[in-house]
Amino acid sequence: MKLKNNIAVSESGFVFDAGTGESYSLNPVGADIIKLMNEGKSQEEILAFFLENYDVTQGIFESAYFDFISTLNQFNLVER
C-alpha cells in the first residue's frame, strides 16, 4: 500500500492532498507509518519497526495501525 501520487507529506507530518486541497497533520507515529509506507515497507516490516522502536505490544500496534490505514482509505489518500 502506498500514498497516491498527488499526496505530499512534509518532514513534520503535514499532509496535503493536491487533488482536493485538503490538508492533515500527523502525530509522530502516523508520520513514521507514512514514511515506512513510502519506503515500500510491508505491513510486517512496519510492525517489526514499531515493536523494536516503540514501547508497544503487537496487538495494540496492529489495532492502531489498521485504524490508521482505515482513516487513510476513508480520506482517499492511498492507492487501492
N, C-alpha and C. Protein backbone atom coordinates (compact mmCIF):
# COMPACT_ATOMS: atom_id res chain seq x y z
N MET A 1 0.84 -1.17 0.00
CA MET A 1 0.00 0.00 0.00
C MET A 1 0.89 1.24 0.00
N LYS A 2 0.47 2.23 -0.77
CA LYS A 2 1.23 3.47 -0.77
C LYS A 2 0.29 4.65 -0.99
N LEU A 3 0.80 5.83 -0.67
CA LEU A 3 0.01 7.04 -0.86
C LEU A 3 -0.16 7.32 -2.35
N LYS A 4 -1.25 8.00 -2.68
CA LYS A 4 -1.45 8.42 -4.06
C LYS A 4 -0.36 9.40 -4.46
N ASN A 5 -0.12 9.51 -5.75
CA ASN A 5 0.95 10.38 -6.26
C ASN A 5 0.71 11.86 -5.97
N ASN A 6 -0.54 12.29 -5.84
CA ASN A 6 -0.82 13.71 -5.62
C ASN A 6 -0.83 14.09 -4.14
N ILE A 7 -0.34 13.20 -3.28
CA ILE A 7 -0.28 13.47 -1.85
C ILE A 7 1.16 13.86 -1.48
N ALA A 8 1.29 15.02 -0.86
CA ALA A 8 2.60 15.50 -0.41
C ALA A 8 2.66 15.40 1.11
N VAL A 9 3.81 14.95 1.62
CA VAL A 9 4.00 14.82 3.07
C VAL A 9 5.29 15.51 3.45
N SER A 10 5.21 16.43 4.41
CA SER A 10 6.41 17.12 4.87
C SER A 10 7.10 16.32 5.96
N GLU A 11 8.32 16.67 6.27
CA GLU A 11 9.08 16.01 7.34
C GLU A 11 8.38 16.14 8.70
N SER A 12 7.63 17.22 8.88
CA SER A 12 6.96 17.46 10.17
C SER A 12 5.62 16.75 10.28
N GLY A 13 5.20 16.02 9.23
CA GLY A 13 3.96 15.27 9.30
C GLY A 13 2.75 16.00 8.75
N PHE A 14 2.97 17.06 7.99
CA PHE A 14 1.89 17.78 7.34
C PHE A 14 1.59 17.07 6.02
N VAL A 15 0.32 16.73 5.80
CA VAL A 15 -0.10 16.01 4.59
C VAL A 15 -1.00 16.92 3.78
N PHE A 16 -0.70 17.03 2.48
CA PHE A 16 -1.51 17.86 1.58
C PHE A 16 -1.96 17.03 0.40
N ASP A 17 -3.27 17.04 0.16
CA ASP A 17 -3.87 16.35 -0.99
C ASP A 17 -4.09 17.40 -2.07
N ALA A 18 -3.23 17.39 -3.09
CA ALA A 18 -3.32 18.38 -4.16
C ALA A 18 -4.60 18.22 -4.98
N GLY A 19 -5.18 17.04 -4.98
CA GLY A 19 -6.40 16.81 -5.73
C GLY A 19 -7.62 17.48 -5.14
N THR A 20 -7.67 17.55 -3.81
CA THR A 20 -8.83 18.13 -3.14
C THR A 20 -8.53 19.43 -2.43
N GLY A 21 -7.25 19.71 -2.20
CA GLY A 21 -6.87 20.90 -1.44
C GLY A 21 -6.93 20.69 0.06
N GLU A 22 -7.29 19.49 0.50
CA GLU A 22 -7.37 19.18 1.92
C GLU A 22 -5.97 18.99 2.51
N SER A 23 -5.84 19.32 3.79
CA SER A 23 -4.57 19.10 4.48
C SER A 23 -4.85 18.44 5.82
N TYR A 24 -3.86 17.71 6.30
CA TYR A 24 -3.98 16.94 7.54
C TYR A 24 -2.66 17.03 8.29
N SER A 25 -2.71 16.83 9.59
CA SER A 25 -1.50 16.78 10.41
C SER A 25 -1.39 15.40 11.03
N LEU A 26 -0.21 14.84 10.99
CA LEU A 26 0.04 13.52 11.57
C LEU A 26 0.78 13.67 12.89
N ASN A 27 0.51 12.76 13.80
CA ASN A 27 1.35 12.69 15.00
C ASN A 27 2.61 11.92 14.63
N PRO A 28 3.60 11.83 15.51
CA PRO A 28 4.85 11.15 15.16
C PRO A 28 4.67 9.69 14.73
N VAL A 29 3.74 8.98 15.32
CA VAL A 29 3.50 7.58 14.94
C VAL A 29 2.96 7.52 13.52
N GLY A 30 1.96 8.35 13.21
CA GLY A 30 1.42 8.39 11.85
C GLY A 30 2.48 8.79 10.84
N ALA A 31 3.32 9.74 11.21
CA ALA A 31 4.39 10.18 10.31
C ALA A 31 5.37 9.03 10.04
N ASP A 32 5.69 8.25 11.06
CA ASP A 32 6.58 7.10 10.87
C ASP A 32 5.93 6.04 9.96
N ILE A 33 4.64 5.79 10.16
CA ILE A 33 3.96 4.81 9.31
C ILE A 33 4.00 5.27 7.85
N ILE A 34 3.67 6.53 7.60
CA ILE A 34 3.68 7.06 6.24
C ILE A 34 5.09 6.98 5.64
N LYS A 35 6.09 7.34 6.42
CA LYS A 35 7.48 7.28 5.94
C LYS A 35 7.84 5.86 5.53
N LEU A 36 7.50 4.89 6.37
CA LEU A 36 7.81 3.49 6.07
C LEU A 36 7.01 3.00 4.86
N MET A 37 5.76 3.40 4.75
CA MET A 37 4.95 3.04 3.58
C MET A 37 5.58 3.58 2.31
N ASN A 38 6.02 4.84 2.35
CA ASN A 38 6.64 5.46 1.18
C ASN A 38 7.96 4.82 0.81
N GLU A 39 8.61 4.17 1.78
CA GLU A 39 9.84 3.43 1.51
C GLU A 39 9.55 2.04 0.95
N GLY A 40 8.27 1.71 0.82
CA GLY A 40 7.88 0.41 0.27
C GLY A 40 7.89 -0.72 1.28
N LYS A 41 7.89 -0.40 2.56
CA LYS A 41 7.91 -1.44 3.59
C LYS A 41 6.57 -2.15 3.65
N SER A 42 6.63 -3.44 3.93
CA SER A 42 5.42 -4.24 4.07
C SER A 42 4.81 -4.02 5.46
N GLN A 43 3.60 -4.51 5.63
CA GLN A 43 2.95 -4.42 6.94
C GLN A 43 3.80 -5.11 8.00
N GLU A 44 4.38 -6.24 7.67
CA GLU A 44 5.23 -6.97 8.62
C GLU A 44 6.48 -6.18 8.98
N GLU A 45 7.08 -5.51 8.01
CA GLU A 45 8.27 -4.69 8.28
C GLU A 45 7.92 -3.48 9.13
N ILE A 46 6.75 -2.90 8.89
CA ILE A 46 6.31 -1.76 9.70
C ILE A 46 6.08 -2.22 11.14
N LEU A 47 5.42 -3.36 11.31
CA LEU A 47 5.20 -3.92 12.64
C LEU A 47 6.53 -4.14 13.35
N ALA A 48 7.49 -4.75 12.68
CA ALA A 48 8.80 -5.02 13.29
C ALA A 48 9.47 -3.72 13.72
N PHE A 49 9.38 -2.67 12.89
CA PHE A 49 9.97 -1.38 13.23
C PHE A 49 9.36 -0.84 14.53
N PHE A 50 8.05 -0.89 14.65
CA PHE A 50 7.40 -0.34 15.83
C PHE A 50 7.65 -1.18 17.07
N LEU A 51 7.69 -2.49 16.93
CA LEU A 51 7.99 -3.33 18.09
C LEU A 51 9.41 -3.10 18.59
N GLU A 52 10.32 -2.78 17.67
CA GLU A 52 11.72 -2.55 18.04
C GLU A 52 11.95 -1.14 18.60
N ASN A 53 11.21 -0.15 18.09
CA ASN A 53 11.50 1.25 18.42
C ASN A 53 10.50 1.93 19.35
N TYR A 54 9.38 1.30 19.63
CA TYR A 54 8.37 1.89 20.50
C TYR A 54 8.01 0.88 21.59
N ASP A 55 7.55 1.38 22.72
CA ASP A 55 7.10 0.53 23.81
C ASP A 55 5.63 0.19 23.58
N VAL A 56 5.40 -0.82 22.71
CA VAL A 56 4.04 -1.19 22.31
C VAL A 56 3.98 -2.70 22.09
N THR A 57 2.83 -3.28 22.38
CA THR A 57 2.65 -4.70 22.10
C THR A 57 2.18 -4.86 20.66
N GLN A 58 2.31 -6.07 20.15
CA GLN A 58 1.90 -6.34 18.79
C GLN A 58 0.40 -6.09 18.62
N GLY A 59 -0.41 -6.56 19.57
CA GLY A 59 -1.86 -6.40 19.46
C GLY A 59 -2.29 -4.94 19.45
N ILE A 60 -1.71 -4.15 20.33
CA ILE A 60 -2.07 -2.72 20.40
C ILE A 60 -1.62 -2.01 19.13
N PHE A 61 -0.40 -2.31 18.66
CA PHE A 61 0.05 -1.65 17.44
C PHE A 61 -0.83 -2.04 16.26
N GLU A 62 -1.12 -3.32 16.10
CA GLU A 62 -1.91 -3.76 14.95
C GLU A 62 -3.29 -3.09 14.95
N SER A 63 -3.90 -2.96 16.11
CA SER A 63 -5.21 -2.30 16.19
C SER A 63 -5.10 -0.84 15.75
N ALA A 64 -4.09 -0.14 16.26
CA ALA A 64 -3.90 1.27 15.89
C ALA A 64 -3.52 1.40 14.42
N TYR A 65 -2.70 0.49 13.92
CA TYR A 65 -2.27 0.51 12.52
C TYR A 65 -3.47 0.36 11.59
N PHE A 66 -4.32 -0.63 11.86
CA PHE A 66 -5.48 -0.85 11.00
C PHE A 66 -6.47 0.31 11.07
N ASP A 67 -6.60 0.93 12.24
CA ASP A 67 -7.44 2.14 12.35
C ASP A 67 -6.86 3.26 11.49
N PHE A 68 -5.54 3.42 11.52
CA PHE A 68 -4.88 4.47 10.74
C PHE A 68 -5.05 4.22 9.25
N ILE A 69 -4.83 2.98 8.81
CA ILE A 69 -4.99 2.63 7.40
C ILE A 69 -6.43 2.86 6.96
N SER A 70 -7.38 2.51 7.82
CA SER A 70 -8.79 2.74 7.52
C SER A 70 -9.07 4.23 7.33
N THR A 71 -8.46 5.06 8.15
CA THR A 71 -8.63 6.51 8.03
C THR A 71 -8.02 7.01 6.72
N LEU A 72 -6.84 6.51 6.36
CA LEU A 72 -6.24 6.90 5.08
C LEU A 72 -7.15 6.53 3.92
N ASN A 73 -7.76 5.34 3.99
CA ASN A 73 -8.70 4.92 2.95
C ASN A 73 -9.95 5.80 2.94
N GLN A 74 -10.45 6.13 4.11
CA GLN A 74 -11.64 6.97 4.22
C GLN A 74 -11.43 8.33 3.56
N PHE A 75 -10.24 8.89 3.73
CA PHE A 75 -9.94 10.20 3.14
C PHE A 75 -9.37 10.08 1.71
N ASN A 76 -9.36 8.83 1.19
CA ASN A 76 -8.96 8.58 -0.18
C ASN A 76 -7.51 9.03 -0.45
N LEU A 77 -6.62 8.71 0.47
CA LEU A 77 -5.24 9.14 0.35
C LEU A 77 -4.29 8.04 -0.16
N VAL A 78 -4.77 6.79 -0.19
CA VAL A 78 -3.93 5.69 -0.62
C VAL A 78 -4.47 5.07 -1.90
N GLU A 79 -3.54 4.45 -2.63
CA GLU A 79 -3.94 3.72 -3.83
C GLU A 79 -4.57 2.41 -3.42
N ARG A 80 -5.59 2.02 -4.12
CA ARG A 80 -6.29 0.77 -3.76
C ARG A 80 -5.84 -0.35 -4.66
